[in-house]
N, C-alpha and C. Protein backbone atom coordinates (compact mmCIF):
# COMPACT_ATOMS: atom_id res chain seq x y z
N SER A 1 14.88 60.40 -7.32
CA SER A 1 15.11 60.97 -6.13
C SER A 1 15.60 62.40 -6.23
N LEU A 2 15.84 62.91 -7.21
CA LEU A 2 16.39 64.32 -7.51
C LEU A 2 15.43 65.00 -8.44
N LEU A 3 15.08 66.18 -8.11
CA LEU A 3 14.25 67.08 -8.93
C LEU A 3 15.07 68.39 -9.08
N ASP A 4 15.63 68.88 -10.13
CA ASP A 4 16.36 70.20 -10.35
C ASP A 4 15.71 70.86 -11.43
N CYS A 5 15.00 72.08 -10.93
CA CYS A 5 14.32 72.90 -12.02
C CYS A 5 14.98 74.35 -11.90
N SER A 6 16.21 74.45 -11.40
CA SER A 6 16.87 75.68 -11.18
C SER A 6 17.11 76.53 -12.44
N ASN A 7 17.19 77.78 -12.20
CA ASN A 7 17.58 78.75 -13.24
C ASN A 7 16.58 78.64 -14.62
N ASN A 8 15.35 78.77 -14.30
CA ASN A 8 14.39 78.79 -15.35
C ASN A 8 13.54 79.99 -15.18
N GLN A 9 12.35 80.00 -15.77
CA GLN A 9 11.38 81.15 -15.69
C GLN A 9 10.14 80.59 -15.03
N ILE A 10 10.16 79.53 -14.13
CA ILE A 10 8.94 79.00 -13.67
C ILE A 10 8.20 79.82 -12.69
N GLU A 11 6.90 80.08 -12.96
CA GLU A 11 6.11 81.12 -12.15
C GLU A 11 5.15 80.30 -11.40
N LYS A 12 4.69 78.93 -11.82
CA LYS A 12 3.72 78.18 -11.00
C LYS A 12 4.16 76.81 -11.02
N ILE A 13 3.96 76.20 -9.82
CA ILE A 13 4.24 74.80 -9.68
C ILE A 13 3.10 74.13 -9.05
N TYR A 14 3.00 72.68 -9.07
CA TYR A 14 1.95 71.92 -8.60
C TYR A 14 2.48 70.79 -7.63
N PRO A 15 1.72 70.59 -6.54
CA PRO A 15 2.10 69.54 -5.61
C PRO A 15 2.09 68.23 -6.15
N PHE A 16 3.15 67.39 -5.81
CA PHE A 16 3.32 66.07 -6.20
C PHE A 16 2.49 65.13 -5.24
N GLY A 17 2.25 65.60 -3.95
CA GLY A 17 1.58 64.65 -3.02
C GLY A 17 2.38 63.81 -2.13
N LYS A 18 1.67 63.36 -1.21
CA LYS A 18 2.45 62.56 -0.09
C LYS A 18 3.27 61.38 -0.60
N SER A 19 2.76 60.65 -1.68
CA SER A 19 3.35 59.40 -2.01
C SER A 19 4.62 59.65 -2.89
N ILE A 20 4.99 60.83 -3.36
CA ILE A 20 6.03 61.02 -4.06
C ILE A 20 7.31 61.55 -3.28
N ASN A 21 8.23 60.68 -2.99
CA ASN A 21 9.34 61.12 -2.13
C ASN A 21 10.77 61.50 -2.87
N PHE A 22 11.16 62.74 -2.79
CA PHE A 22 12.31 63.17 -3.39
C PHE A 22 13.27 63.17 -2.25
N ALA A 23 14.49 62.93 -2.61
CA ALA A 23 15.75 63.26 -1.64
C ALA A 23 16.12 64.70 -1.70
N LYS A 24 16.30 65.19 -2.95
CA LYS A 24 16.70 66.58 -3.22
C LYS A 24 15.82 67.25 -4.09
N ILE A 25 15.46 68.45 -3.77
CA ILE A 25 14.55 69.38 -4.70
C ILE A 25 15.29 70.80 -4.76
N TYR A 26 15.46 71.14 -6.07
CA TYR A 26 16.10 72.41 -6.37
C TYR A 26 15.14 73.31 -7.26
N LEU A 27 14.59 74.33 -6.65
CA LEU A 27 13.69 75.11 -7.50
C LEU A 27 14.23 76.57 -7.47
N SER A 28 15.50 76.77 -7.26
CA SER A 28 16.27 78.04 -7.15
C SER A 28 16.21 78.84 -8.34
N TYR A 29 16.17 80.24 -8.30
CA TYR A 29 16.44 81.11 -9.31
C TYR A 29 15.24 80.89 -10.42
N ASN A 30 14.06 81.03 -9.94
CA ASN A 30 12.80 81.08 -10.90
C ASN A 30 12.00 82.32 -10.39
N LYS A 31 10.67 82.18 -10.70
CA LYS A 31 9.78 83.35 -10.45
C LYS A 31 8.61 82.74 -9.63
N ILE A 32 8.87 81.78 -8.80
CA ILE A 32 7.82 81.08 -8.05
C ILE A 32 7.37 82.03 -6.87
N LYS A 33 6.16 82.08 -6.73
CA LYS A 33 5.38 83.13 -5.71
C LYS A 33 4.85 82.31 -4.49
N GLU A 34 4.58 81.02 -4.84
CA GLU A 34 4.01 80.14 -3.59
C GLU A 34 4.25 78.67 -3.92
N ILE A 35 4.41 77.88 -2.84
CA ILE A 35 4.55 76.46 -2.80
C ILE A 35 3.22 75.83 -2.41
N PRO A 36 2.44 75.29 -3.36
CA PRO A 36 1.28 74.70 -3.07
C PRO A 36 1.30 73.42 -2.33
N ASN A 37 0.35 72.99 -1.87
CA ASN A 37 0.26 71.65 -1.17
C ASN A 37 -1.05 70.83 -1.44
N GLU A 38 -0.95 69.53 -1.21
CA GLU A 38 -2.13 68.65 -1.36
C GLU A 38 -2.19 68.00 0.02
N ASP A 39 -3.25 68.23 0.80
CA ASP A 39 -3.44 67.73 2.14
C ASP A 39 -2.23 68.05 2.91
N GLY A 40 -1.59 69.22 2.75
CA GLY A 40 -0.57 69.51 3.58
C GLY A 40 0.84 69.04 3.16
N TYR A 41 0.84 68.38 2.01
CA TYR A 41 2.17 67.95 1.37
C TYR A 41 2.43 68.56 0.02
N PHE A 42 3.61 69.01 -0.16
CA PHE A 42 4.03 69.33 -1.55
C PHE A 42 4.62 67.96 -2.12
N CYS A 43 5.30 67.34 -1.34
CA CYS A 43 5.93 65.91 -1.56
C CYS A 43 6.02 65.19 -0.32
N GLY A 44 6.34 63.95 -0.38
CA GLY A 44 6.56 63.17 0.82
C GLY A 44 7.95 63.51 1.50
N TYR A 45 8.03 63.19 2.79
CA TYR A 45 9.04 63.48 3.55
C TYR A 45 10.15 62.42 3.81
N GLU A 46 9.71 61.15 3.33
CA GLU A 46 10.53 60.10 3.82
C GLU A 46 12.01 60.12 3.45
N GLN A 47 12.40 60.60 2.36
CA GLN A 47 13.74 60.69 1.94
C GLN A 47 14.46 62.13 1.95
N LEU A 48 13.55 63.17 2.26
CA LEU A 48 14.03 64.51 1.92
C LEU A 48 15.19 64.94 2.72
N GLU A 49 16.26 65.29 1.89
CA GLU A 49 17.55 65.85 2.51
C GLU A 49 17.72 67.27 2.43
N THR A 50 17.42 67.83 1.13
CA THR A 50 17.57 69.14 0.80
C THR A 50 16.48 69.74 -0.08
N PHE A 51 15.99 70.84 0.48
CA PHE A 51 14.91 71.65 -0.40
C PHE A 51 15.40 73.08 -0.51
N ALA A 52 15.70 73.42 -1.76
CA ALA A 52 16.24 74.63 -1.99
C ALA A 52 15.24 75.47 -3.09
N CYS A 53 14.86 76.56 -2.51
CA CYS A 53 13.90 77.51 -3.27
C CYS A 53 14.26 78.93 -3.14
N ASN A 54 15.51 79.06 -3.09
CA ASN A 54 16.02 80.38 -2.90
C ASN A 54 15.90 81.25 -4.19
N ASN A 55 16.07 82.51 -4.09
CA ASN A 55 15.96 83.51 -5.31
C ASN A 55 14.76 83.29 -6.10
N ASN A 56 13.56 83.44 -5.48
CA ASN A 56 12.24 83.48 -6.01
C ASN A 56 11.51 84.63 -5.57
N GLU A 57 10.16 84.51 -5.52
CA GLU A 57 9.23 85.61 -5.28
C GLU A 57 8.33 85.28 -4.15
N ILE A 58 8.62 84.32 -3.30
CA ILE A 58 7.64 83.87 -2.30
C ILE A 58 7.54 84.72 -1.13
N GLU A 59 6.24 85.06 -0.88
CA GLU A 59 5.88 86.01 0.29
C GLU A 59 5.52 85.40 1.43
N LYS A 60 5.00 84.15 1.57
CA LYS A 60 4.74 83.40 2.81
C LYS A 60 5.47 82.10 2.82
N PHE A 61 6.27 81.83 3.91
CA PHE A 61 6.91 80.48 4.07
C PHE A 61 5.83 79.43 4.02
N PRO A 62 6.00 78.51 3.08
CA PRO A 62 4.98 77.42 2.94
C PRO A 62 4.78 76.46 4.33
N ASN A 63 3.51 76.12 4.37
CA ASN A 63 3.27 75.18 5.52
C ASN A 63 3.32 73.71 5.01
N ILE A 64 4.33 73.21 4.47
CA ILE A 64 4.45 72.03 3.73
C ILE A 64 5.35 71.00 4.65
N PHE A 65 5.98 71.44 5.62
CA PHE A 65 6.85 70.60 6.48
C PHE A 65 6.11 70.30 7.80
N ASN A 66 6.84 69.37 8.66
CA ASN A 66 6.20 69.14 9.90
C ASN A 66 7.23 68.68 10.88
N ALA A 67 7.26 69.42 12.01
CA ALA A 67 8.34 69.20 13.12
C ALA A 67 8.19 67.86 13.71
N ASN A 68 6.99 67.08 13.51
CA ASN A 68 6.75 65.99 14.26
C ASN A 68 6.94 64.72 13.23
N SER A 69 7.42 64.94 12.02
CA SER A 69 7.73 63.80 11.04
C SER A 69 8.78 63.12 11.59
N VAL A 70 8.77 61.70 11.16
CA VAL A 70 9.90 60.76 11.68
C VAL A 70 11.25 61.15 11.10
N TYR A 71 11.24 61.62 9.81
CA TYR A 71 12.67 61.73 9.27
C TYR A 71 13.08 63.26 9.17
N VAL A 72 14.36 63.31 9.58
CA VAL A 72 14.99 64.66 9.85
C VAL A 72 15.66 65.07 8.44
N GLY A 73 15.31 66.11 7.90
CA GLY A 73 16.01 66.67 6.77
C GLY A 73 17.17 67.37 7.05
N GLN A 74 18.09 67.49 6.07
CA GLN A 74 19.37 68.07 6.30
C GLN A 74 19.33 69.67 6.31
N SER A 75 18.80 70.09 5.05
CA SER A 75 18.65 71.68 4.94
C SER A 75 17.63 72.05 4.08
N ILE A 76 17.16 73.26 4.34
CA ILE A 76 16.17 74.00 3.40
C ILE A 76 16.76 75.35 3.17
N ASP A 77 16.59 75.89 2.01
CA ASP A 77 17.02 77.20 1.63
C ASP A 77 15.99 78.03 1.02
N PHE A 78 15.41 79.09 1.75
CA PHE A 78 14.44 79.84 1.12
C PHE A 78 15.03 81.40 1.36
N SER A 79 16.17 81.55 1.10
CA SER A 79 16.85 82.92 1.12
C SER A 79 16.57 83.71 -0.13
N TYR A 80 16.71 84.94 -0.19
CA TYR A 80 16.44 85.77 -1.26
C TYR A 80 14.97 85.61 -1.88
N ASN A 81 13.98 85.69 -1.11
CA ASN A 81 12.69 85.71 -1.45
C ASN A 81 12.05 86.98 -0.82
N LYS A 82 10.76 87.06 -0.69
CA LYS A 82 10.02 88.25 -0.19
C LYS A 82 9.17 87.81 1.11
N ILE A 83 9.66 86.87 1.83
CA ILE A 83 8.93 86.16 3.04
C ILE A 83 8.79 87.15 4.21
N SER A 84 7.58 87.45 4.52
CA SER A 84 7.46 88.26 5.67
C SER A 84 6.48 87.56 6.75
N GLU A 85 6.01 86.45 6.44
CA GLU A 85 5.13 85.62 7.36
C GLU A 85 5.04 84.16 7.03
N PHE A 86 4.57 83.47 7.96
CA PHE A 86 4.54 82.04 7.80
C PHE A 86 3.08 81.51 7.55
N GLU A 87 2.97 80.81 6.48
CA GLU A 87 1.65 80.29 6.10
C GLU A 87 1.03 79.40 7.19
N GLY A 88 -0.29 79.64 7.49
CA GLY A 88 -1.05 79.02 8.51
C GLY A 88 -1.03 79.68 9.86
N GLY A 89 -0.07 80.73 10.03
CA GLY A 89 -0.14 81.36 11.31
C GLY A 89 0.23 80.45 12.48
N ASP A 90 -0.72 80.38 13.43
CA ASP A 90 -0.60 79.49 14.63
C ASP A 90 -0.71 77.97 14.31
N ASP A 91 -1.18 77.77 13.09
CA ASP A 91 -1.33 76.36 12.61
C ASP A 91 -0.06 75.82 11.94
N PHE A 92 0.83 76.75 11.74
CA PHE A 92 2.14 76.28 11.11
C PHE A 92 2.67 75.14 11.79
N LYS A 93 3.18 74.06 10.99
CA LYS A 93 3.40 72.77 11.66
C LYS A 93 4.91 72.56 12.01
N GLY A 94 5.77 73.57 11.67
CA GLY A 94 7.11 73.55 12.03
C GLY A 94 7.99 72.80 11.04
N LEU A 95 9.34 72.57 11.49
CA LEU A 95 10.25 72.09 10.38
C LEU A 95 11.13 70.90 11.07
N ASN A 96 11.08 69.81 10.55
CA ASN A 96 12.05 68.72 11.09
C ASN A 96 13.39 68.79 10.28
N ILE A 97 14.10 69.99 10.27
CA ILE A 97 15.21 70.19 9.44
C ILE A 97 16.38 70.68 10.32
N SER A 98 17.53 70.34 9.99
CA SER A 98 18.75 70.67 10.87
C SER A 98 19.18 72.10 10.48
N GLN A 99 19.37 72.38 9.17
CA GLN A 99 19.86 73.85 8.80
C GLN A 99 18.86 74.50 8.04
N VAL A 100 18.53 75.75 8.42
CA VAL A 100 17.46 76.53 7.75
C VAL A 100 18.10 77.91 7.49
N ASN A 101 17.87 78.22 6.13
CA ASN A 101 18.43 79.55 5.61
C ASN A 101 17.24 80.41 5.23
N LEU A 102 16.99 81.41 6.01
CA LEU A 102 15.93 82.45 5.60
C LEU A 102 16.49 83.77 5.43
N SER A 103 17.76 83.90 5.00
CA SER A 103 18.33 85.10 5.01
C SER A 103 17.82 86.03 3.82
N ASN A 104 17.94 87.31 3.88
CA ASN A 104 17.47 88.25 2.75
C ASN A 104 16.17 87.99 2.30
N ASN A 105 15.23 88.14 3.46
CA ASN A 105 13.72 88.21 3.25
C ASN A 105 13.29 89.37 3.86
N ARG A 106 12.05 89.44 4.45
CA ARG A 106 11.41 90.62 4.99
C ARG A 106 10.80 90.31 6.34
N LEU A 107 11.60 89.52 7.16
CA LEU A 107 11.02 89.09 8.50
C LEU A 107 11.46 90.14 9.52
N GLU A 108 10.71 91.17 9.71
CA GLU A 108 11.08 92.22 10.60
C GLU A 108 10.97 91.83 12.12
N LYS A 109 10.34 90.68 12.38
CA LYS A 109 10.39 90.22 13.74
C LYS A 109 10.72 88.73 13.75
N PHE A 110 11.59 88.47 14.78
CA PHE A 110 12.19 86.97 14.90
C PHE A 110 10.93 86.03 14.74
N PRO A 111 11.17 84.99 13.84
CA PRO A 111 10.13 84.09 13.58
C PRO A 111 10.11 83.00 14.77
N SER A 112 9.43 83.40 15.78
CA SER A 112 9.47 82.51 17.05
C SER A 112 8.56 81.21 16.82
N VAL A 113 7.67 81.23 15.71
CA VAL A 113 6.88 80.05 15.51
C VAL A 113 7.75 78.98 15.25
N LEU A 114 8.85 79.05 14.61
CA LEU A 114 9.89 77.92 14.44
C LEU A 114 10.11 77.13 15.59
N PHE A 115 10.35 77.81 16.74
CA PHE A 115 10.77 77.05 17.94
C PHE A 115 9.50 76.64 18.70
N LYS A 116 8.44 77.50 18.68
CA LYS A 116 7.27 77.23 19.40
C LYS A 116 6.50 75.89 18.94
N LYS A 117 6.87 75.57 17.65
CA LYS A 117 6.37 74.33 16.92
C LYS A 117 7.44 73.17 17.06
N ASN A 118 8.31 73.42 17.98
CA ASN A 118 9.37 72.31 18.26
C ASN A 118 10.26 71.96 17.09
N SER A 119 10.52 72.87 16.26
CA SER A 119 11.57 72.58 15.23
C SER A 119 13.02 72.14 15.67
N PRO A 120 13.37 71.09 15.45
CA PRO A 120 14.90 70.79 15.94
C PRO A 120 15.99 71.36 15.12
N ILE A 121 15.97 72.73 14.90
CA ILE A 121 17.07 73.28 14.14
C ILE A 121 18.33 73.53 14.96
N THR A 122 19.44 73.18 14.25
CA THR A 122 20.70 73.40 14.76
C THR A 122 21.46 74.65 14.22
N TYR A 123 21.11 75.12 12.99
CA TYR A 123 21.80 76.15 12.44
C TYR A 123 20.81 76.98 11.66
N LEU A 124 20.66 78.28 12.06
CA LEU A 124 19.53 79.16 11.53
C LEU A 124 20.19 80.43 11.12
N ILE A 125 19.90 80.71 9.84
CA ILE A 125 20.43 81.87 9.25
C ILE A 125 19.24 82.95 8.90
N LEU A 126 19.37 84.10 9.49
CA LEU A 126 18.33 85.23 9.37
C LEU A 126 18.99 86.46 9.06
N ALA A 127 20.16 86.30 8.42
CA ALA A 127 20.69 87.61 8.09
C ALA A 127 19.94 88.50 6.91
N GLY A 128 20.11 89.77 7.00
CA GLY A 128 19.67 90.61 5.93
C GLY A 128 18.06 90.60 5.76
N ASN A 129 17.48 90.62 7.01
CA ASN A 129 15.94 90.64 6.96
C ASN A 129 15.39 92.08 7.30
N GLY A 130 16.26 92.92 7.73
CA GLY A 130 15.84 94.13 8.30
C GLY A 130 15.09 94.00 9.67
N MET A 131 15.51 93.02 10.44
CA MET A 131 14.84 92.62 11.61
C MET A 131 15.04 93.59 12.74
N LYS A 132 13.92 93.95 13.35
CA LYS A 132 13.90 95.12 14.46
C LYS A 132 13.78 94.60 15.79
N GLU A 133 13.25 93.30 15.81
CA GLU A 133 12.80 92.90 17.17
C GLU A 133 12.96 91.50 17.38
N ILE A 134 13.25 91.08 18.58
CA ILE A 134 13.30 89.60 18.97
C ILE A 134 12.45 89.61 20.29
N PRO A 135 11.19 89.30 20.14
CA PRO A 135 10.46 89.24 21.47
C PRO A 135 10.87 88.34 22.39
N ASP A 136 10.63 88.63 23.74
CA ASP A 136 10.99 87.62 24.84
C ASP A 136 10.24 86.42 24.59
N GLY A 137 10.97 85.29 24.85
CA GLY A 137 10.31 83.96 24.74
C GLY A 137 10.36 83.34 23.35
N SER A 138 10.88 84.14 22.38
CA SER A 138 11.14 83.71 20.91
C SER A 138 11.62 82.34 20.82
N MET A 139 12.47 81.76 21.79
CA MET A 139 12.96 80.35 21.54
C MET A 139 12.46 79.41 22.63
N LYS A 140 11.27 79.64 22.98
CA LYS A 140 10.79 78.61 23.92
C LYS A 140 10.12 77.44 23.13
N GLY A 141 10.42 76.26 23.51
CA GLY A 141 9.95 75.12 22.64
C GLY A 141 10.79 73.90 23.15
N ASP A 142 10.22 72.73 22.99
CA ASP A 142 10.93 71.49 23.55
C ASP A 142 12.30 71.29 22.80
N ASN A 143 12.44 71.61 21.57
CA ASN A 143 13.73 71.46 20.80
C ASN A 143 14.54 72.65 20.62
N ALA A 144 14.21 73.82 21.38
CA ALA A 144 15.05 75.04 21.09
C ALA A 144 16.44 74.83 21.57
N TYR A 145 16.68 73.98 22.53
CA TYR A 145 18.03 73.85 23.17
C TYR A 145 18.98 73.20 22.09
N MET A 146 18.55 72.60 20.96
CA MET A 146 19.27 72.02 20.00
C MET A 146 20.14 73.08 19.10
N LEU A 147 19.77 74.31 19.15
CA LEU A 147 20.33 75.34 18.34
C LEU A 147 21.83 75.43 18.66
N GLU A 148 22.64 75.33 17.59
CA GLU A 148 24.09 75.52 17.79
C GLU A 148 24.75 76.79 17.17
N ALA A 149 23.94 77.30 16.16
CA ALA A 149 24.59 78.54 15.55
C ALA A 149 23.41 79.28 14.93
N LEU A 150 23.62 80.64 15.17
CA LEU A 150 22.52 81.50 14.79
C LEU A 150 23.24 82.76 14.19
N ASP A 151 22.82 83.11 12.85
CA ASP A 151 23.28 84.27 12.15
C ASP A 151 22.29 85.34 12.08
N LEU A 152 22.50 86.44 12.79
CA LEU A 152 21.44 87.63 12.87
C LEU A 152 22.12 88.83 12.27
N SER A 153 23.14 88.65 11.49
CA SER A 153 23.91 89.89 10.92
C SER A 153 23.02 90.63 9.89
N TYR A 154 23.48 91.89 9.65
CA TYR A 154 22.76 92.73 8.73
C TYR A 154 21.26 92.87 9.03
N ASN A 155 20.99 93.28 10.18
CA ASN A 155 19.68 93.56 10.60
C ASN A 155 19.57 94.92 11.27
N TYR A 156 18.51 95.24 12.06
CA TYR A 156 18.38 96.57 12.71
C TYR A 156 18.13 96.32 14.14
N LEU A 157 18.79 95.25 14.68
CA LEU A 157 18.50 95.00 16.13
C LEU A 157 19.35 95.86 17.05
N LYS A 158 18.61 96.14 18.13
CA LYS A 158 19.33 97.03 19.24
C LYS A 158 19.58 96.28 20.51
N LYS A 159 18.75 95.17 20.72
CA LYS A 159 18.82 94.39 21.89
C LYS A 159 18.54 92.85 21.62
N LEU A 160 18.94 91.95 22.61
CA LEU A 160 18.54 90.56 22.38
C LEU A 160 17.33 90.38 23.48
N SER A 161 16.57 89.19 23.15
CA SER A 161 15.63 89.05 24.11
C SER A 161 16.15 88.12 25.33
N ASP A 162 15.17 87.73 26.10
CA ASP A 162 15.67 87.02 27.38
C ASP A 162 16.01 85.56 27.18
N ASP A 163 16.10 85.12 25.87
CA ASP A 163 16.40 83.74 25.58
C ASP A 163 17.80 83.42 25.59
N PHE A 164 18.73 84.38 25.52
CA PHE A 164 20.07 84.12 25.05
C PHE A 164 20.98 83.85 26.40
N TYR A 165 20.64 82.72 27.01
CA TYR A 165 21.51 82.41 28.16
C TYR A 165 21.61 80.99 28.18
N ALA A 166 22.43 80.48 29.05
CA ALA A 166 22.78 79.05 29.00
C ALA A 166 21.73 77.98 29.27
N VAL A 167 20.75 78.41 30.08
CA VAL A 167 19.67 77.37 30.28
C VAL A 167 18.85 77.14 29.14
N ARG A 168 18.65 78.27 28.37
CA ARG A 168 17.68 78.17 27.08
C ARG A 168 18.45 77.62 25.94
N LEU A 169 19.68 78.08 25.79
CA LEU A 169 20.62 77.67 24.64
C LEU A 169 21.99 77.05 25.11
N PRO A 170 22.02 76.01 25.68
CA PRO A 170 23.08 75.43 26.26
C PRO A 170 24.24 74.98 25.27
N TYR A 171 23.82 74.66 24.02
CA TYR A 171 24.80 74.19 23.05
C TYR A 171 25.16 75.10 22.01
N LEU A 172 24.69 76.50 22.14
CA LEU A 172 25.14 77.44 21.14
C LEU A 172 26.61 77.73 21.08
N THR A 173 27.20 77.50 19.92
CA THR A 173 28.62 77.58 19.66
C THR A 173 28.98 78.95 18.92
N GLY A 174 27.96 79.42 18.12
CA GLY A 174 28.21 80.56 17.31
C GLY A 174 27.12 81.54 17.25
N LEU A 175 27.40 82.97 17.38
CA LEU A 175 26.41 83.97 17.32
C LEU A 175 26.96 85.10 16.60
N ASP A 176 26.19 85.50 15.43
CA ASP A 176 26.77 86.62 14.63
C ASP A 176 25.79 87.74 14.79
N LEU A 177 26.17 88.82 15.37
CA LEU A 177 25.36 89.90 15.61
C LEU A 177 26.02 91.19 14.77
N SER A 178 26.86 90.87 13.91
CA SER A 178 27.53 92.02 13.19
C SER A 178 26.60 92.80 12.35
N TYR A 179 26.80 94.06 12.10
CA TYR A 179 26.00 94.85 11.22
C TYR A 179 24.66 95.04 11.76
N ASN A 180 24.49 95.49 12.95
CA ASN A 180 23.22 95.79 13.62
C ASN A 180 23.26 97.13 14.29
N ARG A 181 22.58 97.41 15.26
CA ARG A 181 22.42 98.76 15.88
C ARG A 181 22.58 98.67 17.51
N PHE A 182 23.46 97.64 18.08
CA PHE A 182 23.66 97.63 19.36
C PHE A 182 24.40 98.86 19.93
N SER A 183 24.00 99.53 21.02
CA SER A 183 24.72 100.42 21.69
C SER A 183 25.29 99.97 22.91
N LYS A 184 24.86 98.82 23.49
CA LYS A 184 25.35 98.22 24.72
C LYS A 184 25.60 96.74 24.39
N PHE A 185 26.79 96.37 24.95
CA PHE A 185 27.35 94.94 24.71
C PHE A 185 26.40 94.10 25.25
N PRO A 186 25.64 92.99 24.60
CA PRO A 186 24.69 92.09 25.17
C PRO A 186 25.57 90.92 25.91
N THR A 187 25.63 90.92 27.31
CA THR A 187 26.36 90.06 27.88
C THR A 187 25.85 88.76 28.17
N ALA A 188 24.52 88.55 28.15
CA ALA A 188 23.81 87.26 28.42
C ALA A 188 24.43 86.11 27.76
N PRO A 189 24.73 86.18 26.54
CA PRO A 189 25.23 85.06 25.84
C PRO A 189 26.60 84.49 26.43
N LEU A 190 27.22 85.39 27.00
CA LEU A 190 28.54 85.05 27.63
C LEU A 190 28.38 83.86 28.67
N SER A 191 27.18 83.74 29.22
CA SER A 191 27.00 82.71 30.19
C SER A 191 26.87 81.23 29.58
N ILE A 192 26.99 81.16 28.21
CA ILE A 192 26.95 79.90 27.46
C ILE A 192 28.33 79.32 27.36
N SER A 193 28.66 78.22 28.09
CA SER A 193 30.00 77.72 28.19
C SER A 193 30.46 77.04 26.81
N SER A 194 29.52 76.66 25.89
CA SER A 194 29.95 76.16 24.67
C SER A 194 30.20 77.30 23.60
N LEU A 195 29.80 78.50 23.94
CA LEU A 195 30.06 79.46 22.86
C LEU A 195 31.53 79.71 22.55
N GLN A 196 31.89 79.63 21.24
CA GLN A 196 33.12 79.74 20.73
C GLN A 196 33.42 81.08 19.76
N ARG A 197 32.23 81.49 19.11
CA ARG A 197 32.32 82.53 18.24
C ARG A 197 31.22 83.55 18.65
N PHE A 198 31.50 84.72 18.99
CA PHE A 198 30.60 85.80 19.25
C PHE A 198 31.02 87.04 18.47
N ILE A 199 30.31 87.22 17.34
CA ILE A 199 30.68 88.21 16.52
C ILE A 199 29.74 89.43 16.53
N ILE A 200 30.36 90.63 16.84
CA ILE A 200 29.56 91.83 16.98
C ILE A 200 30.19 93.11 16.53
N ARG A 201 30.86 92.96 15.25
CA ARG A 201 31.54 94.05 14.72
C ARG A 201 30.55 94.92 13.88
N HIS A 202 30.93 96.14 13.62
CA HIS A 202 30.37 97.10 12.83
C HIS A 202 28.90 97.35 13.18
N GLN A 203 28.72 97.98 14.37
CA GLN A 203 27.42 98.53 14.91
C GLN A 203 27.23 99.90 14.48
N ARG A 204 26.25 100.25 13.79
CA ARG A 204 25.93 101.59 13.37
C ARG A 204 24.43 102.02 13.73
N ASP A 205 24.21 103.24 14.03
CA ASP A 205 22.87 103.73 14.23
C ASP A 205 22.23 104.13 12.88
N ASP A 206 21.00 104.53 12.96
CA ASP A 206 20.28 104.72 11.85
C ASP A 206 20.84 105.91 10.89
N LYS A 207 21.84 106.72 11.55
CA LYS A 207 22.47 107.77 10.90
C LYS A 207 23.87 107.19 10.31
N GLY A 208 24.12 106.13 10.60
CA GLY A 208 25.42 105.53 10.12
C GLY A 208 26.61 105.84 11.21
N ASN A 209 26.33 106.32 12.32
CA ASN A 209 27.35 106.47 13.38
C ASN A 209 27.71 105.28 14.15
N ARG A 210 28.86 105.15 14.48
CA ARG A 210 29.33 104.04 15.34
C ARG A 210 28.49 104.09 16.67
N CYS A 211 27.83 103.02 17.17
CA CYS A 211 27.06 103.18 18.41
C CYS A 211 27.42 102.35 19.52
N LEU A 212 28.23 101.21 19.24
CA LEU A 212 28.52 100.34 20.34
C LEU A 212 29.80 101.04 21.15
N LYS A 213 29.40 101.54 22.29
CA LYS A 213 30.47 102.23 23.07
C LYS A 213 30.78 101.58 24.48
N GLU A 214 29.97 100.68 24.84
CA GLU A 214 30.12 99.93 26.04
C GLU A 214 30.71 98.63 26.02
N TRP A 215 31.76 98.30 26.63
CA TRP A 215 32.32 96.99 26.69
C TRP A 215 32.14 96.21 28.02
N PRO A 216 31.93 94.93 28.07
CA PRO A 216 31.88 94.30 29.39
C PRO A 216 33.17 94.24 30.12
N THR A 217 33.01 94.38 31.35
CA THR A 217 34.24 94.29 32.34
C THR A 217 34.45 92.74 32.74
């Protein structure tokens, strides 16, 4: 049930197929550039709890999961890669995973495909991507309301989309916007009654000057 190949020099891996079910997979700290699949499966989902593939050289997030699968995984970690897009485009199948870490990649635009494919994510980390934009409607999806915590720190954001209000994200408890480029305080999230942590420290413009000068009354 456990596969641990972390801290090696692996450059190429091969799919196990649908019939092989792992509970935990660790492929971290290698030189892997892609996660291949066999009929859409790298391995089976039936026991999958954790999939860690951080600190590699992956450029496309693999289309090997499925938001419509019966079993809900606990966490996946693809941080510290080179991910700038999602494999499959509009045919991306989504994620049936609670905690998703995509920090320190190259996602300059918010990955709205995650919620459009009804991924039931509760904790999403997107820190350190150089993200510049969150398009309106990025969190539209049948399961978007399940999001409880969102980390958008260390990006280049200047404003939020129209998704950050109580109707769309009723259970959001934590939002981290620190180390971005906001000049106006984004008040929309304050409508969310469950919000407990709203972090917006250290806002600097592209010249390094403090830029957040407006505070809500």
